[in-house]
Amino acid sequence: MEQAPGPKMEVTRRQERIAFLLVTAVVFPLLAVLVVAGYGFMVWMWQLLFAGPPTGP
């Protein structure tokens, strides 16, 4: 597959640094929060629908 003629899109060090900071400062923390919240929601629904509230000994 041939590309259309024109200037090559070159990734600069600045663009790479911005992408790295975006991933490390925004994407990974957001993903971590969503995973923990999803697990908590799953446990909450399991207790609500099947297991009942936790009881002490």
PDB file of N, CA and C in Angstrom:
ATOM      1  N   MET A   1       0.845  -1.180   0.000  1.00  0.00           N
ATOM      2  CA  MET A   1       0.000   0.000   0.000  1.00  0.00           C
ATOM      3  C   MET A   1       0.891   1.244   0.000  1.00  0.00           C
ATOM      4  N   GLU A   2       0.698   2.115  -0.935  1.00  0.00           N
ATOM      5  CA  GLU A   2       1.538   3.302  -1.063  1.00  0.00           C
ATOM      6  C   GLU A   2       0.888   4.484  -0.352  1.00  0.00           C
ATOM      7  N   GLN A   3       1.744   5.329   0.202  1.00  0.00           N
ATOM      8  CA  GLN A   3       1.249   6.533   0.853  1.00  0.00           C
ATOM      9  C   GLN A   3       1.152   7.662  -0.162  1.00  0.00           C
ATOM     10  N   ALA A   4       0.249   8.570   0.142  1.00  0.00           N
ATOM     11  CA  ALA A   4       0.119   9.741  -0.726  1.00  0.00           C
ATOM     12  C   ALA A   4       1.365  10.608  -0.578  1.00  0.00           C
ATOM     13  N   PRO A   5       1.780  11.254  -1.648  1.00  0.00           N
ATOM     14  CA  PRO A   5       2.963  12.107  -1.547  1.00  0.00           C
ATOM     15  C   PRO A   5       2.714  13.271  -0.590  1.00  0.00           C
ATOM     16  N   GLY A   6       3.764  13.655   0.095  1.00  0.00           N
ATOM     17  CA  GLY A   6       3.643  14.763   1.038  1.00  0.00           C
ATOM     18  C   GLY A   6       4.719  14.650   2.096  1.00  0.00           C
ATOM     19  N   PRO A   7       4.773  15.621   2.980  1.00  0.00           N
ATOM     20  CA  PRO A   7       5.796  15.582   4.028  1.00  0.00           C
ATOM     21  C   PRO A   7       5.556  14.419   4.980  1.00  0.00           C
ATOM     22  N   LYS A   8       6.650  13.798   5.396  1.00  0.00           N
ATOM     23  CA  LYS A   8       6.543  12.686   6.336  1.00  0.00           C
ATOM     24  C   LYS A   8       6.139  13.219   7.705  1.00  0.00           C
ATOM     25  N   MET A   9       5.275  12.484   8.380  1.00  0.00           N
ATOM     26  CA  MET A   9       4.905  12.836   9.746  1.00  0.00           C
ATOM     27  C   MET A   9       5.989  12.280  10.656  1.00  0.00           C
ATOM     28  N   GLU A  10       6.760  13.157  11.252  1.00  0.00           N
ATOM     29  CA  GLU A  10       7.870  12.731  12.087  1.00  0.00           C
ATOM     30  C   GLU A  10       7.537  12.996  13.552  1.00  0.00           C
ATOM     31  N   VAL A  11       7.702  11.976  14.381  1.00  0.00           N
ATOM     32  CA  VAL A  11       7.442  12.124  15.805  1.00  0.00           C
ATOM     33  C   VAL A  11       8.666  12.760  16.449  1.00  0.00           C
ATOM     34  N   THR A  12       8.450  13.869  17.097  1.00  0.00           N
ATOM     35  CA  THR A  12       9.556  14.562  17.729  1.00  0.00           C
ATOM     36  C   THR A  12       9.696  14.125  19.182  1.00  0.00           C
ATOM     37  N   ARG A  13      10.842  14.461  19.784  1.00  0.00           N
ATOM     38  CA  ARG A  13      11.053  14.142  21.191  1.00  0.00           C
ATOM     39  C   ARG A  13      10.023  14.848  22.068  1.00  0.00           C
ATOM     40  N   ARG A  14       9.638  16.056  21.690  1.00  0.00           N
ATOM     41  CA  ARG A  14       8.641  16.804  22.462  1.00  0.00           C
ATOM     42  C   ARG A  14       7.292  16.082  22.442  1.00  0.00           C
ATOM     43  N   GLN A  15       6.892  15.597  21.269  1.00  0.00           N
ATOM     44  CA  GLN A  15       5.627  14.866  21.171  1.00  0.00           C
ATOM     45  C   GLN A  15       5.679  13.575  21.981  1.00  0.00           C
ATOM     46  N   GLU A  16       6.816  12.897  21.948  1.00  0.00           N
ATOM     47  CA  GLU A  16       6.954  11.673  22.734  1.00  0.00           C
ATOM     48  C   GLU A  16       6.869  11.967  24.225  1.00  0.00           C
ATOM     49  N   ARG A  17       7.509  13.061  24.666  1.00  0.00           N
ATOM     50  CA  ARG A  17       7.470  13.434  26.072  1.00  0.00           C
ATOM     51  C   ARG A  17       6.047  13.774  26.505  1.00  0.00           C
ATOM     52  N   ILE A  18       5.320  14.493  25.671  1.00  0.00           N
ATOM     53  CA  ILE A  18       3.930  14.844  25.988  1.00  0.00           C
ATOM     54  C   ILE A  18       3.072  13.584  26.067  1.00  0.00           C
ATOM     55  N   ALA A  19       3.266  12.659  25.135  1.00  0.00           N
ATOM     56  CA  ALA A  19       2.502  11.407  25.155  1.00  0.00           C
ATOM     57  C   ALA A  19       2.832  10.592  26.400  1.00  0.00           C
ATOM     58  N   PHE A  20       4.104  10.529  26.769  1.00  0.00           N
ATOM     59  CA  PHE A  20       4.515   9.794  27.970  1.00  0.00           C
ATOM     60  C   PHE A  20       3.886  10.402  29.216  1.00  0.00           C
ATOM     61  N   LEU A  21       3.928  11.734  29.333  1.00  0.00           N
ATOM     62  CA  LEU A  21       3.332  12.391  30.495  1.00  0.00           C
ATOM     63  C   LEU A  21       1.824  12.193  30.536  1.00  0.00           C
ATOM     64  N   LEU A  22       1.179  12.219  29.393  1.00  0.00           N
ATOM     65  CA  LEU A  22      -0.265  11.988  29.345  1.00  0.00           C
ATOM     66  C   LEU A  22      -0.607  10.585  29.834  1.00  0.00           C
ATOM     67  N   VAL A  23       0.168   9.613  29.375  1.00  0.00           N
ATOM     68  CA  VAL A  23      -0.095   8.230  29.780  1.00  0.00           C
ATOM     69  C   VAL A  23       0.176   8.041  31.268  1.00  0.00           C
ATOM     70  N   THR A  24       1.300   8.561  31.773  1.00  0.00           N
ATOM     71  CA  THR A  24       1.664   8.329  33.166  1.00  0.00           C
ATOM     72  C   THR A  24       0.871   9.185  34.143  1.00  0.00           C
ATOM     73  N   ALA A  25       0.447  10.374  33.747  1.00  0.00           N
ATOM     74  CA  ALA A  25      -0.236  11.275  34.671  1.00  0.00           C
ATOM     75  C   ALA A  25      -1.756  11.197  34.566  1.00  0.00           C
ATOM     76  N   VAL A  26      -2.292  10.688  33.450  1.00  0.00           N
ATOM     77  CA  VAL A  26      -3.742  10.683  33.259  1.00  0.00           C
ATOM     78  C   VAL A  26      -4.280   9.274  33.058  1.00  0.00           C
ATOM     79  N   VAL A  27      -3.758   8.568  32.087  1.00  0.00           N
ATOM     80  CA  VAL A  27      -4.350   7.291  31.681  1.00  0.00           C
ATOM     81  C   VAL A  27      -4.168   6.215  32.753  1.00  0.00           C
ATOM     82  N   PHE A  28      -2.927   6.010  33.234  1.00  0.00           N
ATOM     83  CA  PHE A  28      -2.696   4.952  34.220  1.00  0.00           C
ATOM     84  C   PHE A  28      -3.423   5.202  35.540  1.00  0.00           C
ATOM     85  N   PRO A  29      -3.378   6.417  36.109  1.00  0.00           N
ATOM     86  CA  PRO A  29      -4.145   6.630  37.339  1.00  0.00           C
ATOM     87  C   PRO A  29      -5.649   6.450  37.138  1.00  0.00           C
ATOM     88  N   LEU A  30      -6.163   6.922  36.030  1.00  0.00           N
ATOM     89  CA  LEU A  30      -7.592   6.747  35.759  1.00  0.00           C
ATOM     90  C   LEU A  30      -7.942   5.272  35.614  1.00  0.00           C
ATOM     91  N   LEU A  31      -7.108   4.533  34.932  1.00  0.00           N
ATOM     92  CA  LEU A  31      -7.324   3.100  34.768  1.00  0.00           C
ATOM     93  C   LEU A  31      -7.283   2.380  36.118  1.00  0.00           C
ATOM     94  N   ALA A  32      -6.344   2.762  36.987  1.00  0.00           N
ATOM     95  CA  ALA A  32      -6.247   2.147  38.308  1.00  0.00           C
ATOM     96  C   ALA A  32      -7.511   2.421  39.132  1.00  0.00           C
ATOM     97  N   VAL A  33      -7.991   3.654  39.111  1.00  0.00           N
ATOM     98  CA  VAL A  33      -9.210   4.002  39.849  1.00  0.00           C
ATOM     99  C   VAL A  33     -10.399   3.221  39.307  1.00  0.00           C
ATOM    100  N   LEU A  34     -10.509   3.106  38.002  1.00  0.00           N
ATOM    101  CA  LEU A  34     -11.631   2.380  37.410  1.00  0.00           C
ATOM    102  C   LEU A  34     -11.598   0.889  37.753  1.00  0.00           C
ATOM    103  N   VAL A  35     -10.406   0.301  37.795  1.00  0.00           N
ATOM    104  CA  VAL A  35     -10.293  -1.123  38.140  1.00  0.00           C
ATOM    105  C   VAL A  35     -10.720  -1.342  39.587  1.00  0.00           C
ATOM    106  N   VAL A  36     -10.235  -0.508  40.508  1.00  0.00           N
ATOM    107  CA  VAL A  36     -10.586  -0.660  41.919  1.00  0.00           C
ATOM    108  C   VAL A  36     -12.079  -0.398  42.134  1.00  0.00           C
ATOM    109  N   ALA A  37     -12.617   0.628  41.493  1.00  0.00           N
ATOM    110  CA  ALA A  37     -14.040   0.928  41.627  1.00  0.00           C
ATOM    111  C   ALA A  37     -14.895  -0.196  41.029  1.00  0.00           C
ATOM    112  N   GLY A  38     -14.465  -0.742  39.915  1.00  0.00           N
ATOM    113  CA  GLY A  38     -15.205  -1.850  39.307  1.00  0.00           C
ATOM    114  C   GLY A  38     -15.210  -3.079  40.191  1.00  0.00           C
ATOM    115  N   TYR A  39     -14.077  -3.373  40.829  1.00  0.00           N
ATOM    116  CA  TYR A  39     -14.017  -4.511  41.743  1.00  0.00           C
ATOM    117  C   TYR A  39     -14.924  -4.277  42.950  1.00  0.00           C
ATOM    118  N   GLY A  40     -14.883  -3.076  43.502  1.00  0.00           N
ATOM    119  CA  GLY A  40     -15.759  -2.756  44.637  1.00  0.00           C
ATOM    120  C   GLY A  40     -17.225  -2.871  44.266  1.00  0.00           C
ATOM    121  N   PHE A  41     -17.583  -2.395  43.086  1.00  0.00           N
ATOM    122  CA  PHE A  41     -18.969  -2.504  42.627  1.00  0.00           C
ATOM    123  C   PHE A  41     -19.374  -3.961  42.452  1.00  0.00           C
ATOM    124  N   MET A  42     -18.460  -4.765  41.914  1.00  0.00           N
ATOM    125  CA  MET A  42     -18.745  -6.184  41.720  1.00  0.00           C
ATOM    126  C   MET A  42     -18.993  -6.880  43.058  1.00  0.00           C
ATOM    127  N   VAL A  43     -18.164  -6.598  44.060  1.00  0.00           N
ATOM    128  CA  VAL A  43     -18.341  -7.189  45.390  1.00  0.00           C
ATOM    129  C   VAL A  43     -19.653  -6.715  46.009  1.00  0.00           C
ATOM    130  N   TRP A  44     -19.957  -5.436  45.859  1.00  0.00           N
ATOM    131  CA  TRP A  44     -21.192  -4.875  46.403  1.00  0.00           C
ATOM    132  C   TRP A  44     -22.414  -5.560  45.784  1.00  0.00           C
ATOM    133  N   MET A  45     -22.404  -5.738  44.471  1.00  0.00           N
ATOM    134  CA  MET A  45     -23.532  -6.402  43.803  1.00  0.00           C
ATOM    135  C   MET A  45     -23.631  -7.870  44.217  1.00  0.00           C
ATOM    136  N   TRP A  46     -22.482  -8.546  44.361  1.00  0.00           N
ATOM    137  CA  TRP A  46     -22.495  -9.944  44.792  1.00  0.00           C
ATOM    138  C   TRP A  46     -23.156 -10.074  46.171  1.00  0.00           C
ATOM    139  N   GLN A  47     -22.782  -9.188  47.088  1.00  0.00           N
ATOM    140  CA  GLN A  47     -23.364  -9.235  48.430  1.00  0.00           C
ATOM    141  C   GLN A  47     -24.841  -8.863  48.395  1.00  0.00           C
ATOM    142  N   LEU A  48     -25.210  -7.904  47.572  1.00  0.00           N
ATOM    143  CA  LEU A  48     -26.594  -7.458  47.490  1.00  0.00           C
ATOM    144  C   LEU A  48     -27.500  -8.553  46.927  1.00  0.00           C
ATOM    145  N   LEU A  49     -27.021  -9.267  45.902  1.00  0.00           N
ATOM    146  CA  LEU A  49     -27.886 -10.221  45.197  1.00  0.00           C
ATOM    147  C   LEU A  49     -27.768 -11.657  45.709  1.00  0.00           C
ATOM    148  N   PHE A  50     -26.578 -12.071  46.186  1.00  0.00           N
ATOM    149  CA  PHE A  50     -26.383 -13.481  46.485  1.00  0.00           C
ATOM    150  C   PHE A  50     -25.960 -13.765  47.922  1.00  0.00           C
ATOM    151  N   ALA A  51     -24.968 -13.081  48.425  1.00  0.00           N
ATOM    152  CA  ALA A  51     -24.338 -13.477  49.684  1.00  0.00           C
ATOM    153  C   ALA A  51     -24.931 -12.821  50.913  1.00  0.00           C
ATOM    154  N   GLY A  52     -25.579 -11.707  50.771  1.00  0.00           N
ATOM    155  CA  GLY A  52     -26.085 -10.984  51.934  1.00  0.00           C
ATOM    156  C   GLY A  52     -24.967 -10.190  52.574  1.00  0.00           C
ATOM    157  N   PRO A  53     -25.334  -9.418  53.603  1.00  0.00           N
ATOM    158  CA  PRO A  53     -24.313  -8.609  54.245  1.00  0.00           C
ATOM    159  C   PRO A  53     -23.303  -9.452  55.013  1.00  0.00           C
ATOM    160  N   PRO A  54     -22.087  -8.961  55.161  1.00  0.00           N
ATOM    161  CA  PRO A  54     -21.089  -9.727  55.916  1.00  0.00           C
ATOM    162  C   PRO A  54     -21.484  -9.769  57.402  1.00  0.00           C
ATOM    163  N   THR A  55     -21.242 -10.892  58.029  1.00  0.00           N
ATOM    164  CA  THR A  55     -21.589 -11.045  59.451  1.00  0.00           C
ATOM    165  C   THR A  55     -20.333 -11.400  60.237  1.00  0.00           C
ATOM    166  N   GLY A  56     -20.334 -11.016  61.497  1.00  0.00           N
ATOM    167  CA  GLY A  56     -19.203 -11.311  62.371  1.00  0.00           C
ATOM    168  C   GLY A  56     -19.326 -12.711  62.962  1.00  0.00           C
ATOM    169  N   PRO A  57     -18.268 -13.184  63.621  1.00  0.00           N
ATOM    170  CA  PRO A  57     -18.312 -14.536  64.213  1.00  0.00           C
ATOM    171  C   PRO A  57     -19.189 -14.624  65.432  1.00  0.00           C
TER     172      PRO A  57
END
